[in-house]
Amino acid sequence: PALARLVAEAAAEAARGEGGRFSLGLSGGSLVELLARELPPALGAAAPPGAAADPSRWLVAFCDERLVPPEHPESTFGAYRVSGDGGG
């Protein structure tokens, strides 16, 4: 919960800033499951309500993406996509 809370707080702070944009670098592995489980409730609790959760204001980079299609089991992007859809 601590990592998800830190991400949500940083996103909320960025939403209040001049550009209102938030950048986040994501790696794969166990982080996928942790963030899929913990980040949605943390974003819901962030202040101001809703501001941190606006995905149109986020720039997400995958830090260790492999050169494979998103459907491949080794794809970090694919792992987050499946987790975000409730399938992970």
N, C-alpha and C. Protein backbone atom coordinates (compact mmCIF):
# COMPACT_ATOMS: atom_id res chain seq x y z
N PRO A 1 0.80 -1.21 0.00
CA PRO A 1 0.00 0.00 0.00
C PRO A 1 0.84 1.27 0.00
N ALA A 2 2.05 1.22 0.58
CA ALA A 2 2.86 2.43 0.68
C ALA A 2 3.29 2.92 -0.70
N LEU A 3 3.72 2.01 -1.57
CA LEU A 3 4.15 2.43 -2.91
C LEU A 3 2.98 3.01 -3.69
N ALA A 4 1.84 2.35 -3.66
CA ALA A 4 0.66 2.85 -4.37
C ALA A 4 0.24 4.21 -3.83
N ARG A 5 0.33 4.38 -2.52
CA ARG A 5 -0.03 5.68 -1.92
C ARG A 5 0.93 6.77 -2.38
N LEU A 6 2.23 6.45 -2.45
CA LEU A 6 3.21 7.43 -2.93
C LEU A 6 2.93 7.83 -4.38
N VAL A 7 2.60 6.85 -5.22
CA VAL A 7 2.28 7.14 -6.62
C VAL A 7 1.04 8.02 -6.70
N ALA A 8 0.01 7.68 -5.93
CA ALA A 8 -1.23 8.46 -5.96
C ALA A 8 -1.00 9.88 -5.47
N GLU A 9 -0.20 10.04 -4.41
CA GLU A 9 0.09 11.38 -3.90
C GLU A 9 0.88 12.20 -4.90
N ALA A 10 1.85 11.57 -5.56
CA ALA A 10 2.63 12.28 -6.58
C ALA A 10 1.76 12.67 -7.76
N ALA A 11 0.85 11.80 -8.15
CA ALA A 11 -0.06 12.10 -9.27
C ALA A 11 -0.99 13.25 -8.90
N ALA A 12 -1.49 13.25 -7.67
CA ALA A 12 -2.38 14.34 -7.22
C ALA A 12 -1.62 15.66 -7.17
N GLU A 13 -0.37 15.61 -6.69
CA GLU A 13 0.45 16.84 -6.65
C GLU A 13 0.71 17.36 -8.06
N ALA A 14 1.02 16.45 -8.98
CA ALA A 14 1.25 16.86 -10.37
C ALA A 14 -0.02 17.44 -10.99
N ALA A 15 -1.17 16.89 -10.63
CA ALA A 15 -2.44 17.39 -11.17
C ALA A 15 -2.69 18.84 -10.75
N ARG A 16 -2.18 19.21 -9.59
CA ARG A 16 -2.35 20.58 -9.10
C ARG A 16 -1.31 21.53 -9.68
N GLY A 17 -0.28 20.97 -10.32
CA GLY A 17 0.82 21.79 -10.83
C GLY A 17 0.48 22.53 -12.10
N GLU A 18 1.45 23.26 -12.59
CA GLU A 18 1.29 24.10 -13.77
C GLU A 18 0.78 23.34 -14.98
N GLY A 19 1.46 22.25 -15.34
CA GLY A 19 1.05 21.49 -16.53
C GLY A 19 0.01 20.42 -16.23
N GLY A 20 -0.11 20.04 -14.97
CA GLY A 20 -1.09 19.04 -14.59
C GLY A 20 -0.81 17.65 -15.10
N ARG A 21 0.45 17.38 -15.50
CA ARG A 21 0.79 16.08 -16.06
C ARG A 21 1.63 15.29 -15.06
N PHE A 22 1.50 13.97 -15.13
CA PHE A 22 2.21 13.07 -14.24
C PHE A 22 2.93 12.02 -15.07
N SER A 23 4.22 11.82 -14.81
CA SER A 23 5.01 10.82 -15.52
C SER A 23 5.38 9.69 -14.56
N LEU A 24 5.28 8.47 -15.06
CA LEU A 24 5.55 7.29 -14.23
C LEU A 24 6.27 6.24 -15.06
N GLY A 25 7.39 5.74 -14.55
CA GLY A 25 8.11 4.65 -15.19
C GLY A 25 7.78 3.35 -14.48
N LEU A 26 7.39 2.36 -15.25
CA LEU A 26 6.98 1.07 -14.68
C LEU A 26 7.89 -0.05 -15.14
N SER A 27 8.23 -0.92 -14.20
CA SER A 27 8.93 -2.15 -14.56
C SER A 27 7.94 -3.29 -14.43
N GLY A 28 8.38 -4.46 -14.78
CA GLY A 28 7.49 -5.63 -14.75
C GLY A 28 7.63 -6.41 -13.45
N GLY A 29 7.56 -7.71 -13.58
CA GLY A 29 7.71 -8.60 -12.42
C GLY A 29 6.57 -8.46 -11.43
N SER A 30 6.91 -8.52 -10.15
CA SER A 30 5.90 -8.49 -9.09
C SER A 30 5.21 -7.13 -8.97
N LEU A 31 5.82 -6.09 -9.55
CA LEU A 31 5.21 -4.76 -9.49
C LEU A 31 3.86 -4.71 -10.20
N VAL A 32 3.70 -5.51 -11.24
CA VAL A 32 2.45 -5.52 -12.00
C VAL A 32 1.28 -5.89 -11.08
N GLU A 33 1.39 -6.99 -10.39
CA GLU A 33 0.30 -7.45 -9.52
C GLU A 33 0.08 -6.48 -8.36
N LEU A 34 1.17 -5.99 -7.78
CA LEU A 34 1.05 -5.07 -6.66
C LEU A 34 0.29 -3.80 -7.06
N LEU A 35 0.69 -3.18 -8.16
CA LEU A 35 0.02 -1.94 -8.57
C LEU A 35 -1.40 -2.20 -9.06
N ALA A 36 -1.63 -3.32 -9.72
CA ALA A 36 -2.99 -3.63 -10.18
C ALA A 36 -3.94 -3.76 -8.99
N ARG A 37 -3.43 -4.27 -7.89
CA ARG A 37 -4.25 -4.47 -6.69
C ARG A 37 -4.35 -3.20 -5.84
N GLU A 38 -3.24 -2.50 -5.66
CA GLU A 38 -3.19 -1.41 -4.69
C GLU A 38 -3.41 0.00 -5.25
N LEU A 39 -3.10 0.22 -6.52
CA LEU A 39 -3.17 1.58 -7.05
C LEU A 39 -4.60 2.11 -7.20
N PRO A 40 -5.55 1.34 -7.72
CA PRO A 40 -6.91 1.91 -7.85
C PRO A 40 -7.49 2.46 -6.55
N PRO A 41 -7.43 1.71 -5.42
CA PRO A 41 -7.96 2.30 -4.18
C PRO A 41 -7.15 3.52 -3.72
N ALA A 42 -5.84 3.50 -3.94
CA ALA A 42 -5.02 4.64 -3.53
C ALA A 42 -5.38 5.88 -4.35
N LEU A 43 -5.62 5.70 -5.63
CA LEU A 43 -6.02 6.83 -6.47
C LEU A 43 -7.37 7.38 -6.05
N GLY A 44 -8.27 6.49 -5.67
CA GLY A 44 -9.59 6.91 -5.22
C GLY A 44 -9.54 7.73 -3.94
N ALA A 45 -8.51 7.46 -3.11
CA ALA A 45 -8.38 8.16 -1.84
C ALA A 45 -7.55 9.43 -1.95
N ALA A 46 -6.91 9.65 -3.11
CA ALA A 46 -6.02 10.81 -3.28
C ALA A 46 -6.82 12.11 -3.29
N ALA A 47 -6.19 13.17 -2.82
CA ALA A 47 -6.83 14.48 -2.83
C ALA A 47 -6.13 15.36 -3.86
N PRO A 48 -6.82 16.17 -4.63
CA PRO A 48 -8.27 16.28 -4.69
C PRO A 48 -8.87 15.07 -5.37
N PRO A 49 -10.07 14.70 -4.94
CA PRO A 49 -10.69 13.48 -5.48
C PRO A 49 -10.77 13.49 -6.99
N GLY A 50 -10.34 12.39 -7.59
CA GLY A 50 -10.44 12.22 -9.04
C GLY A 50 -9.31 12.82 -9.84
N ALA A 51 -8.64 13.85 -9.34
CA ALA A 51 -7.61 14.53 -10.12
C ALA A 51 -6.44 13.61 -10.44
N ALA A 52 -6.02 12.81 -9.47
CA ALA A 52 -4.87 11.93 -9.67
C ALA A 52 -5.19 10.78 -10.61
N ALA A 53 -6.45 10.41 -10.70
CA ALA A 53 -6.83 9.24 -11.47
C ALA A 53 -7.12 9.52 -12.94
N ASP A 54 -6.94 10.75 -13.41
CA ASP A 54 -7.23 11.09 -14.80
C ASP A 54 -6.11 10.57 -15.70
N PRO A 55 -6.32 9.42 -16.37
CA PRO A 55 -5.25 8.82 -17.17
C PRO A 55 -4.84 9.66 -18.37
N SER A 56 -5.67 10.57 -18.81
CA SER A 56 -5.30 11.41 -19.94
C SER A 56 -4.18 12.39 -19.57
N ARG A 57 -3.91 12.55 -18.29
CA ARG A 57 -2.87 13.46 -17.81
C ARG A 57 -1.59 12.71 -17.43
N TRP A 58 -1.55 11.40 -17.62
CA TRP A 58 -0.40 10.58 -17.24
C TRP A 58 0.44 10.23 -18.47
N LEU A 59 1.75 10.22 -18.29
CA LEU A 59 2.69 9.67 -19.28
C LEU A 59 3.33 8.46 -18.62
N VAL A 60 3.05 7.28 -19.16
CA VAL A 60 3.56 6.03 -18.59
C VAL A 60 4.62 5.46 -19.52
N ALA A 61 5.77 5.15 -18.95
CA ALA A 61 6.87 4.53 -19.71
C ALA A 61 7.18 3.17 -19.10
N PHE A 62 7.40 2.19 -19.96
CA PHE A 62 7.75 0.86 -19.50
C PHE A 62 9.27 0.74 -19.53
N CYS A 63 9.87 0.63 -18.37
CA CYS A 63 11.33 0.73 -18.22
C CYS A 63 12.09 -0.50 -18.67
N ASP A 64 11.48 -1.64 -18.70
CA ASP A 64 12.20 -2.85 -19.07
C ASP A 64 11.44 -3.67 -20.11
N GLU A 65 10.75 -2.97 -21.00
CA GLU A 65 9.96 -3.68 -22.03
C GLU A 65 10.87 -4.48 -22.95
N ARG A 66 10.39 -5.64 -23.29
CA ARG A 66 11.12 -6.51 -24.21
C ARG A 66 10.62 -6.29 -25.64
N LEU A 67 11.42 -6.67 -26.60
CA LEU A 67 11.03 -6.52 -28.00
C LEU A 67 10.21 -7.72 -28.44
N VAL A 68 9.01 -7.78 -27.87
CA VAL A 68 8.06 -8.86 -28.18
C VAL A 68 6.69 -8.22 -28.34
N PRO A 69 5.77 -8.90 -29.02
CA PRO A 69 4.41 -8.36 -29.14
C PRO A 69 3.74 -8.26 -27.76
N PRO A 70 2.78 -7.37 -27.60
CA PRO A 70 2.09 -7.23 -26.30
C PRO A 70 1.43 -8.52 -25.81
N GLU A 71 1.09 -9.41 -26.71
CA GLU A 71 0.43 -10.67 -26.33
C GLU A 71 1.42 -11.67 -25.75
N HIS A 72 2.71 -11.44 -25.93
CA HIS A 72 3.75 -12.37 -25.48
C HIS A 72 3.83 -12.36 -23.96
N PRO A 73 4.05 -13.52 -23.33
CA PRO A 73 4.12 -13.57 -21.86
C PRO A 73 5.26 -12.74 -21.26
N GLU A 74 6.28 -12.41 -22.04
CA GLU A 74 7.41 -11.62 -21.55
C GLU A 74 7.20 -10.11 -21.73
N SER A 75 6.06 -9.69 -22.24
CA SER A 75 5.80 -8.27 -22.47
C SER A 75 5.33 -7.59 -21.19
N THR A 76 6.08 -6.57 -20.76
CA THR A 76 5.67 -5.79 -19.59
C THR A 76 4.38 -5.03 -19.88
N PHE A 77 4.30 -4.40 -21.05
CA PHE A 77 3.08 -3.70 -21.43
C PHE A 77 1.89 -4.65 -21.40
N GLY A 78 2.06 -5.83 -21.98
CA GLY A 78 0.98 -6.81 -22.00
C GLY A 78 0.56 -7.23 -20.61
N ALA A 79 1.51 -7.37 -19.70
CA ALA A 79 1.16 -7.75 -18.33
C ALA A 79 0.32 -6.68 -17.66
N TYR A 80 0.66 -5.41 -17.84
CA TYR A 80 -0.14 -4.34 -17.26
C TYR A 80 -1.51 -4.24 -17.94
N ARG A 81 -1.53 -4.46 -19.24
CA ARG A 81 -2.82 -4.40 -19.95
C ARG A 81 -3.76 -5.47 -19.44
N VAL A 82 -3.27 -6.68 -19.26
CA VAL A 82 -4.10 -7.78 -18.74
C VAL A 82 -4.54 -7.48 -17.31
N SER A 83 -3.62 -6.98 -16.47
CA SER A 83 -3.96 -6.66 -15.09
C SER A 83 -4.99 -5.54 -15.01
N GLY A 84 -4.87 -4.54 -15.89
CA GLY A 84 -5.80 -3.43 -15.91
C GLY A 84 -7.19 -3.83 -16.34
N ASP A 85 -7.28 -4.91 -17.14
CA ASP A 85 -8.57 -5.41 -17.59
C ASP A 85 -9.19 -6.38 -16.60
N GLY A 86 -8.51 -6.61 -15.48
CA GLY A 86 -9.02 -7.54 -14.49
C GLY A 86 -8.66 -8.98 -14.78
N GLY A 87 -7.79 -9.20 -15.77
CA GLY A 87 -7.44 -10.57 -16.12
C GLY A 87 -6.12 -11.03 -15.56
N GLY A 88 -5.46 -10.22 -14.68
CA GLY A 88 -4.14 -10.60 -14.22
C GLY A 88 -4.03 -11.00 -12.82
